[in-house]
Amino acid sequence: MTDPKAMVQTMITLASASLGLVAALAWNEAIKATLALLGMGDNLAGLYSYAIVATVLAVVVLTMLGRIAARIGGDAAFVREAEG
C-alpha cells in the first residue's frame, strides 16, 4: 500500500514544479517584452544579457533556498563541494 504522506509530498512537489514553470514562462514573456521596448529584444546582446541575468538570479535564489533549508534542518538540493 502507498504511504499517504509520501503521496501528498509527491503531489506538493509536482504542483510546485508546475506552478514554478508557469511563473517562469510568465516572467520570460515579461522580460522579453521589456527588452523589446528597450530596443534589445532581437539582437544578440539583448539575448545574452537576458540569459546572464536569468542565470545569476537562479543561482542567487537557489543559494538562498539552500541556506533556508539548512537553517530549518532540511537537506538542500545541492551542496557546494567546499561544504560537502
PDB file of N, CA and C in Angstrom:
ATOM      1  N   MET A   1       0.844  -1.185   0.000  1.00  0.00           N
ATOM      2  CA  MET A   1       0.000   0.000   0.000  1.00  0.00           C
ATOM      3  C   MET A   1       0.888   1.248   0.000  1.00  0.00           C
ATOM      4  N   THR A   2       0.474   2.276  -0.695  1.00  0.00           N
ATOM      5  CA  THR A   2       1.235   3.509  -0.817  1.00  0.00           C
ATOM      6  C   THR A   2       1.089   4.339   0.453  1.00  0.00           C
ATOM      7  N   ASP A   3       2.214   4.889   0.891  1.00  0.00           N
ATOM      8  CA  ASP A   3       2.223   5.751   2.065  1.00  0.00           C
ATOM      9  C   ASP A   3       1.524   7.062   1.729  1.00  0.00           C
ATOM     10  N   PRO A   4       0.439   7.416   2.449  1.00  0.00           N
ATOM     11  CA  PRO A   4      -0.290   8.656   2.141  1.00  0.00           C
ATOM     12  C   PRO A   4       0.594   9.904   2.270  1.00  0.00           C
ATOM     13  N   LYS A   5       1.493   9.908   3.252  1.00  0.00           N
ATOM     14  CA  LYS A   5       2.380  11.059   3.441  1.00  0.00           C
ATOM     15  C   LYS A   5       3.285  11.240   2.228  1.00  0.00           C
ATOM     16  N   ALA A   6       3.829  10.151   1.719  1.00  0.00           N
ATOM     17  CA  ALA A   6       4.700  10.222   0.546  1.00  0.00           C
ATOM     18  C   ALA A   6       3.911  10.682  -0.679  1.00  0.00           C
ATOM     19  N   MET A   7       2.669  10.228  -0.784  1.00  0.00           N
ATOM     20  CA  MET A   7       1.841  10.619  -1.921  1.00  0.00           C
ATOM     21  C   MET A   7       1.539  12.119  -1.876  1.00  0.00           C
ATOM     22  N   VAL A   8       1.219  12.653  -0.703  1.00  0.00           N
ATOM     23  CA  VAL A   8       0.946  14.080  -0.568  1.00  0.00           C
ATOM     24  C   VAL A   8       2.209  14.882  -0.853  1.00  0.00           C
ATOM     25  N   GLN A   9       3.359  14.427  -0.350  1.00  0.00           N
ATOM     26  CA  GLN A   9       4.618  15.135  -0.612  1.00  0.00           C
ATOM     27  C   GLN A   9       4.922  15.150  -2.108  1.00  0.00           C
ATOM     28  N   THR A  10       4.664  14.053  -2.784  1.00  0.00           N
ATOM     29  CA  THR A  10       4.878  13.983  -4.222  1.00  0.00           C
ATOM     30  C   THR A  10       3.949  14.934  -4.953  1.00  0.00           C
ATOM     31  N   MET A  11       2.686  15.003  -4.530  1.00  0.00           N
ATOM     32  CA  MET A  11       1.730  15.907  -5.160  1.00  0.00           C
ATOM     33  C   MET A  11       2.144  17.363  -4.957  1.00  0.00           C
ATOM     34  N   ILE A  12       2.617  17.689  -3.755  1.00  0.00           N
ATOM     35  CA  ILE A  12       3.073  19.052  -3.481  1.00  0.00           C
ATOM     36  C   ILE A  12       4.284  19.383  -4.347  1.00  0.00           C
ATOM     37  N   THR A  13       5.204  18.442  -4.478  1.00  0.00           N
ATOM     38  CA  THR A  13       6.388  18.649  -5.304  1.00  0.00           C
ATOM     39  C   THR A  13       6.007  18.881  -6.758  1.00  0.00           C
ATOM     40  N   LEU A  14       5.109  18.063  -7.279  1.00  0.00           N
ATOM     41  CA  LEU A  14       4.675  18.218  -8.670  1.00  0.00           C
ATOM     42  C   LEU A  14       3.921  19.529  -8.891  1.00  0.00           C
ATOM     43  N   ALA A  15       3.051  19.892  -7.957  1.00  0.00           N
ATOM     44  CA  ALA A  15       2.307  21.145  -8.076  1.00  0.00           C
ATOM     45  C   ALA A  15       3.258  22.341  -8.004  1.00  0.00           C
ATOM     46  N   SER A  16       4.240  22.277  -7.124  1.00  0.00           N
ATOM     47  CA  SER A  16       5.221  23.357  -7.007  1.00  0.00           C
ATOM     48  C   SER A  16       6.016  23.510  -8.289  1.00  0.00           C
ATOM     49  N   ALA A  17       6.445  22.397  -8.850  1.00  0.00           N
ATOM     50  CA  ALA A  17       7.207  22.452 -10.096  1.00  0.00           C
ATOM     51  C   ALA A  17       6.355  23.005 -11.236  1.00  0.00           C
ATOM     52  N   SER A  18       5.111  22.584 -11.295  1.00  0.00           N
ATOM     53  CA  SER A  18       4.216  23.064 -12.350  1.00  0.00           C
ATOM     54  C   SER A  18       3.959  24.561 -12.232  1.00  0.00           C
ATOM     55  N   LEU A  19       3.666  25.010 -11.032  1.00  0.00           N
ATOM     56  CA  LEU A  19       3.411  26.435 -10.831  1.00  0.00           C
ATOM     57  C   LEU A  19       4.683  27.254 -11.046  1.00  0.00           C
ATOM     58  N   GLY A  20       5.817  26.689 -10.679  1.00  0.00           N
ATOM     59  CA  GLY A  20       7.090  27.357 -10.924  1.00  0.00           C
ATOM     60  C   GLY A  20       7.349  27.529 -12.404  1.00  0.00           C
ATOM     61  N   LEU A  21       7.013  26.521 -13.187  1.00  0.00           N
ATOM     62  CA  LEU A  21       7.181  26.603 -14.634  1.00  0.00           C
ATOM     63  C   LEU A  21       6.268  27.677 -15.227  1.00  0.00           C
ATOM     64  N   VAL A  22       5.026  27.727 -14.774  1.00  0.00           N
ATOM     65  CA  VAL A  22       4.089  28.740 -15.266  1.00  0.00           C
ATOM     66  C   VAL A  22       4.605  30.142 -14.930  1.00  0.00           C
ATOM     67  N   ALA A  23       5.082  30.319 -13.698  1.00  0.00           N
ATOM     68  CA  ALA A  23       5.620  31.620 -13.297  1.00  0.00           C
ATOM     69  C   ALA A  23       6.859  31.973 -14.116  1.00  0.00           C
ATOM     70  N   ALA A  24       7.724  30.994 -14.356  1.00  0.00           N
ATOM     71  CA  ALA A  24       8.935  31.246 -15.145  1.00  0.00           C
ATOM     72  C   ALA A  24       8.582  31.654 -16.572  1.00  0.00           C
ATOM     73  N   LEU A  25       7.608  30.999 -17.155  1.00  0.00           N
ATOM     74  CA  LEU A  25       7.190  31.364 -18.512  1.00  0.00           C
ATOM     75  C   LEU A  25       6.586  32.757 -18.549  1.00  0.00           C
ATOM     76  N   ALA A  26       5.836  33.123 -17.515  1.00  0.00           N
ATOM     77  CA  ALA A  26       5.260  34.466 -17.454  1.00  0.00           C
ATOM     78  C   ALA A  26       6.365  35.518 -17.340  1.00  0.00           C
ATOM     79  N   TRP A  27       7.346  35.254 -16.485  1.00  0.00           N
ATOM     80  CA  TRP A  27       8.476  36.179 -16.363  1.00  0.00           C
ATOM     81  C   TRP A  27       9.267  36.243 -17.656  1.00  0.00           C
ATOM     82  N   ASN A  28       9.413  35.120 -18.319  1.00  0.00           N
ATOM     83  CA  ASN A  28      10.125  35.084 -19.596  1.00  0.00           C
ATOM     84  C   ASN A  28       9.474  36.037 -20.596  1.00  0.00           C
ATOM     85  N   GLU A  29       8.167  35.963 -20.707  1.00  0.00           N
ATOM     86  CA  GLU A  29       7.447  36.845 -21.633  1.00  0.00           C
ATOM     87  C   GLU A  29       7.570  38.307 -21.217  1.00  0.00           C
ATOM     88  N   ALA A  30       7.473  38.574 -19.915  1.00  0.00           N
ATOM     89  CA  ALA A  30       7.575  39.956 -19.437  1.00  0.00           C
ATOM     90  C   ALA A  30       8.972  40.528 -19.711  1.00  0.00           C
ATOM     91  N   ILE A  31       9.989  39.740 -19.483  1.00  0.00           N
ATOM     92  CA  ILE A  31      11.356  40.212 -19.717  1.00  0.00           C
ATOM     93  C   ILE A  31      11.607  40.402 -21.204  1.00  0.00           C
ATOM     94  N   LYS A  32      11.107  39.493 -22.031  1.00  0.00           N
ATOM     95  CA  LYS A  32      11.278  39.654 -23.482  1.00  0.00           C
ATOM     96  C   LYS A  32      10.578  40.913 -23.975  1.00  0.00           C
ATOM     97  N   ALA A  33       9.406  41.197 -23.448  1.00  0.00           N
ATOM     98  CA  ALA A  33       8.693  42.405 -23.844  1.00  0.00           C
ATOM     99  C   ALA A  33       9.446  43.658 -23.392  1.00  0.00           C
ATOM    100  N   THR A  34      10.017  43.604 -22.201  1.00  0.00           N
ATOM    101  CA  THR A  34      10.810  44.734 -21.706  1.00  0.00           C
ATOM    102  C   THR A  34      12.036  44.965 -22.571  1.00  0.00           C
ATOM    103  N   LEU A  35      12.727  43.888 -22.932  1.00  0.00           N
ATOM    104  CA  LEU A  35      13.892  44.014 -23.811  1.00  0.00           C
ATOM    105  C   LEU A  35      13.489  44.587 -25.166  1.00  0.00           C
ATOM    106  N   ALA A  36      12.336  44.194 -25.664  1.00  0.00           N
ATOM    107  CA  ALA A  36      11.854  44.724 -26.941  1.00  0.00           C
ATOM    108  C   ALA A  36      11.588  46.226 -26.834  1.00  0.00           C
ATOM    109  N   LEU A  37      11.004  46.665 -25.708  1.00  0.00           N
ATOM    110  CA  LEU A  37      10.756  48.093 -25.505  1.00  0.00           C
ATOM    111  C   LEU A  37      12.056  48.885 -25.427  1.00  0.00           C
ATOM    112  N   LEU A  38      13.097  48.248 -24.887  1.00  0.00           N
ATOM    113  CA  LEU A  38      14.398  48.910 -24.775  1.00  0.00           C
ATOM    114  C   LEU A  38      15.202  48.825 -26.067  1.00  0.00           C
ATOM    115  N   GLY A  39      14.626  48.180 -27.067  1.00  0.00           N
ATOM    116  CA  GLY A  39      15.309  48.051 -28.348  1.00  0.00           C
ATOM    117  C   GLY A  39      16.365  46.967 -28.366  1.00  0.00           C
ATOM    118  N   MET A  40      16.322  46.047 -27.407  1.00  0.00           N
ATOM    119  CA  MET A  40      17.325  44.975 -27.333  1.00  0.00           C
ATOM    120  C   MET A  40      16.695  43.601 -27.535  1.00  0.00           C
ATOM    121  N   GLY A  41      15.439  43.556 -27.948  1.00  0.00           N
ATOM    122  CA  GLY A  41      14.698  42.308 -27.991  1.00  0.00           C
ATOM    123  C   GLY A  41      15.193  41.280 -28.976  1.00  0.00           C
ATOM    124  N   ASP A  42      15.647  41.704 -30.132  1.00  0.00           N
ATOM    125  CA  ASP A  42      16.006  40.739 -31.165  1.00  0.00           C
ATOM    126  C   ASP A  42      17.501  40.620 -31.407  1.00  0.00           C
ATOM    127  N   ASN A  43      18.293  41.478 -30.768  1.00  0.00           N
ATOM    128  CA  ASN A  43      19.720  41.381 -31.049  1.00  0.00           C
ATOM    129  C   ASN A  43      20.418  40.436 -30.084  1.00  0.00           C
ATOM    130  N   LEU A  44      21.576  40.006 -30.459  1.00  0.00           N
ATOM    131  CA  LEU A  44      22.317  39.005 -29.707  1.00  0.00           C
ATOM    132  C   LEU A  44      22.715  39.518 -28.326  1.00  0.00           C
ATOM    133  N   ALA A  45      23.091  40.778 -28.219  1.00  0.00           N
ATOM    134  CA  ALA A  45      23.485  41.340 -26.925  1.00  0.00           C
ATOM    135  C   ALA A  45      22.322  41.288 -25.931  1.00  0.00           C
ATOM    136  N   GLY A  46      21.118  41.580 -26.397  1.00  0.00           N
ATOM    137  CA  GLY A  46      19.952  41.522 -25.526  1.00  0.00           C
ATOM    138  C   GLY A  46      19.662  40.113 -25.049  1.00  0.00           C
ATOM    139  N   LEU A  47      19.789  39.159 -25.951  1.00  0.00           N
ATOM    140  CA  LEU A  47      19.528  37.760 -25.582  1.00  0.00           C
ATOM    141  C   LEU A  47      20.560  37.250 -24.582  1.00  0.00           C
ATOM    142  N   TYR A  48      21.829  37.595 -24.808  1.00  0.00           N
ATOM    143  CA  TYR A  48      22.864  37.165 -23.864  1.00  0.00           C
ATOM    144  C   TYR A  48      22.719  37.869 -22.517  1.00  0.00           C
ATOM    145  N   SER A  49      22.364  39.143 -22.543  1.00  0.00           N
ATOM    146  CA  SER A  49      22.138  39.867 -21.291  1.00  0.00           C
ATOM    147  C   SER A  49      21.019  39.205 -20.498  1.00  0.00           C
ATOM    148  N   TYR A  50      19.950  38.877 -21.177  1.00  0.00           N
ATOM    149  CA  TYR A  50      18.814  38.208 -20.546  1.00  0.00           C
ATOM    150  C   TYR A  50      19.239  36.862 -19.957  1.00  0.00           C
ATOM    151  N   ALA A  51      19.996  36.082 -20.721  1.00  0.00           N
ATOM    152  CA  ALA A  51      20.444  34.767 -20.253  1.00  0.00           C
ATOM    153  C   ALA A  51      21.348  34.895 -19.026  1.00  0.00           C
ATOM    154  N   ILE A  52      22.227  35.873 -19.029  1.00  0.00           N
ATOM    155  CA  ILE A  52      23.143  36.057 -17.895  1.00  0.00           C
ATOM    156  C   ILE A  52      22.379  36.494 -16.654  1.00  0.00           C
ATOM    157  N   VAL A  53      21.475  37.448 -16.811  1.00  0.00           N
ATOM    158  CA  VAL A  53      20.688  37.915 -15.665  1.00  0.00           C
ATOM    159  C   VAL A  53      19.825  36.784 -15.106  1.00  0.00           C
ATOM    160  N   ALA A  54      19.199  36.010 -15.973  1.00  0.00           N
ATOM    161  CA  ALA A  54      18.360  34.895 -15.527  1.00  0.00           C
ATOM    162  C   ALA A  54      19.191  33.851 -14.786  1.00  0.00           C
ATOM    163  N   THR A  55      20.393  33.578 -15.267  1.00  0.00           N
ATOM    164  CA  THR A  55      21.261  32.600 -14.624  1.00  0.00           C
ATOM    165  C   THR A  55      21.707  33.082 -13.251  1.00  0.00           C
ATOM    166  N   VAL A  56      22.127  34.328 -13.162  1.00  0.00           N
ATOM    167  CA  VAL A  56      22.560  34.882 -11.875  1.00  0.00           C
ATOM    168  C   VAL A  56      21.405  34.872 -10.885  1.00  0.00           C
ATOM    169  N   LEU A  57      20.227  35.262 -11.337  1.00  0.00           N
ATOM    170  CA  LEU A  57      19.052  35.254 -10.463  1.00  0.00           C
ATOM    171  C   LEU A  57      18.746  33.841  -9.963  1.00  0.00           C
ATOM    172  N   ALA A  58      18.819  32.855 -10.851  1.00  0.00           N
ATOM    173  CA  ALA A  58      18.556  31.463 -10.453  1.00  0.00           C
ATOM    174  C   ALA A  58      19.566  30.988  -9.414  1.00  0.00           C
ATOM    175  N   VAL A  59      20.833  31.314  -9.600  1.00  0.00           N
ATOM    176  CA  VAL A  59      21.868  30.903  -8.647  1.00  0.00           C
ATOM    177  C   VAL A  59      21.627  31.554  -7.287  1.00  0.00           C
ATOM    178  N   VAL A  60      21.292  32.834  -7.285  1.00  0.00           N
ATOM    179  CA  VAL A  60      21.044  33.536  -6.021  1.00  0.00           C
ATOM    180  C   VAL A  60      19.847  32.932  -5.295  1.00  0.00           C
ATOM    181  N   VAL A  61      18.763  32.706  -6.008  1.00  0.00           N
ATOM    182  CA  VAL A  61      17.554  32.148  -5.382  1.00  0.00           C
ATOM    183  C   VAL A  61      17.824  30.747  -4.849  1.00  0.00           C
ATOM    184  N   LEU A  62      18.501  29.895  -5.620  1.00  0.00           N
ATOM    185  CA  LEU A  62      18.782  28.541  -5.156  1.00  0.00           C
ATOM    186  C   LEU A  62      19.725  28.532  -3.960  1.00  0.00           C
ATOM    187  N   THR A  63      20.681  29.439  -3.939  1.00  0.00           N
ATOM    188  CA  THR A  63      21.587  29.539  -2.791  1.00  0.00           C
ATOM    189  C   THR A  63      20.818  29.953  -1.540  1.00  0.00           C
ATOM    190  N   MET A  64      19.937  30.942  -1.683  1.00  0.00           N
ATOM    191  CA  MET A  64      19.136  31.378  -0.541  1.00  0.00           C
ATOM    192  C   MET A  64      18.226  30.261  -0.039  1.00  0.00           C
ATOM    193  N   LEU A  65      17.594  29.540  -0.956  1.00  0.00           N
ATOM    194  CA  LEU A  65      16.720  28.431  -0.545  1.00  0.00           C
ATOM    195  C   LEU A  65      17.513  27.321   0.139  1.00  0.00           C
ATOM    196  N   GLY A  66      18.713  27.057  -0.340  1.00  0.00           N
ATOM    197  CA  GLY A  66      19.569  26.055   0.300  1.00  0.00           C
ATOM    198  C   GLY A  66      19.926  26.455   1.718  1.00  0.00           C
ATOM    199  N   ARG A  67      20.223  27.736   1.921  1.00  0.00           N
ATOM    200  CA  ARG A  67      20.544  28.214   3.274  1.00  0.00           C
ATOM    201  C   ARG A  67      19.332  28.134   4.185  1.00  0.00           C
ATOM    202  N   ILE A  68      18.165  28.472   3.663  1.00  0.00           N
ATOM    203  CA  ILE A  68      16.944  28.377   4.461  1.00  0.00           C
ATOM    204  C   ILE A  68      16.678  26.932   4.842  1.00  0.00           C
ATOM    205  N   ALA A  69      16.853  26.023   3.892  1.00  0.00           N
ATOM    206  CA  ALA A  69      16.640  24.596   4.172  1.00  0.00           C
ATOM    207  C   ALA A  69      17.611  24.111   5.246  1.00  0.00           C
ATOM    208  N   ALA A  70      18.848  24.562   5.192  1.00  0.00           N
ATOM    209  CA  ALA A  70      19.835  24.159   6.186  1.00  0.00           C
ATOM    210  C   ALA A  70      19.468  24.696   7.565  1.00  0.00           C
ATOM    211  N   ARG A  71      18.940  25.924   7.613  1.00  0.00           N
ATOM    212  CA  ARG A  71      18.555  26.524   8.894  1.00  0.00           C
ATOM    213  C   ARG A  71      17.414  25.774   9.559  1.00  0.00           C
ATOM    214  N   ILE A  72      16.478  25.294   8.760  1.00  0.00           N
ATOM    215  CA  ILE A  72      15.323  24.617   9.358  1.00  0.00           C
ATOM    216  C   ILE A  72      15.542  23.115   9.494  1.00  0.00           C
ATOM    217  N   GLY A  73      16.740  22.680   9.151  1.00  0.00           N
ATOM    218  CA  GLY A  73      17.074  21.279   9.368  1.00  0.00           C
ATOM    219  C   GLY A  73      16.823  20.378   8.182  1.00  0.00           C
ATOM    220  N   GLY A  74      16.463  20.935   7.051  1.00  0.00           N
ATOM    221  CA  GLY A  74      16.252  20.124   5.856  1.00  0.00           C
ATOM    222  C   GLY A  74      17.534  19.970   5.070  1.00  0.00           C
ATOM    223  N   ASP A  75      17.490  19.178   4.042  1.00  0.00           N
ATOM    224  CA  ASP A  75      18.633  18.993   3.168  1.00  0.00           C
ATOM    225  C   ASP A  75      18.458  19.873   1.942  1.00  0.00           C
ATOM    226  N   ALA A  76      19.520  20.530   1.554  1.00  0.00           N
ATOM    227  CA  ALA A  76      19.496  21.319   0.328  1.00  0.00           C
ATOM    228  C   ALA A  76      19.547  20.378  -0.857  1.00  0.00           C
ATOM    229  N   ALA A  77      19.024  20.831  -1.983  1.00  0.00           N
ATOM    230  CA  ALA A  77      19.023  20.015  -3.191  1.00  0.00           C
ATOM    231  C   ALA A  77      20.427  19.853  -3.745  1.00  0.00           C
ATOM    232  N   PHE A  78      21.309  20.791  -3.428  1.00  0.00           N
ATOM    233  CA  PHE A  78      22.690  20.704  -3.872  1.00  0.00           C
ATOM    234  C   PHE A  78      23.594  21.167  -2.737  1.00  0.00           C
ATOM    235  N   VAL A  79      24.794  20.672  -2.731  1.00  0.00           N
ATOM    236  CA  VAL A  79      25.771  21.049  -1.725  1.00  0.00           C
ATOM    237  C   VAL A  79      27.035  21.451  -2.457  1.00  0.00           C
ATOM    238  N   ARG A  80      27.554  22.626  -2.109  1.00  0.00           N
ATOM    239  CA  ARG A  80      28.798  23.056  -2.743  1.00  0.00           C
ATOM    240  C   ARG A  80      29.908  22.119  -2.318  1.00  0.00           C
ATOM    241  N   GLU A  81      30.855  21.897  -3.188  1.00  0.00           N
ATOM    242  CA  GLU A  81      31.932  20.949  -2.934  1.00  0.00           C
ATOM    243  C   GLU A  81      32.722  21.314  -1.686  1.00  0.00           C
ATOM    244  N   ALA A  82      32.917  22.602  -1.434  1.00  0.00           N
ATOM    245  CA  ALA A  82      33.666  23.040  -0.259  1.00  0.00           C
ATOM    246  C   ALA A  82      32.940  22.712   1.041  1.00  0.00           C
ATOM    247  N   GLU A  83      31.613  22.628   0.992  1.00  0.00           N
ATOM    248  CA  GLU A  83      30.826  22.342   2.181  1.00  0.00           C
ATOM    249  C   GLU A  83      30.676  20.843   2.438  1.00  0.00           C
ATOM    250  N   GLY A  84      30.672  20.061   1.367  1.00  0.00           N
ATOM    251  CA  GLY A  84      30.367  18.631   1.457  1.00  0.00           C
ATOM    252  C   GLY A  84      31.463  17.796   1.855  1.00  0.00           C
TER     253      GLY A  84
END
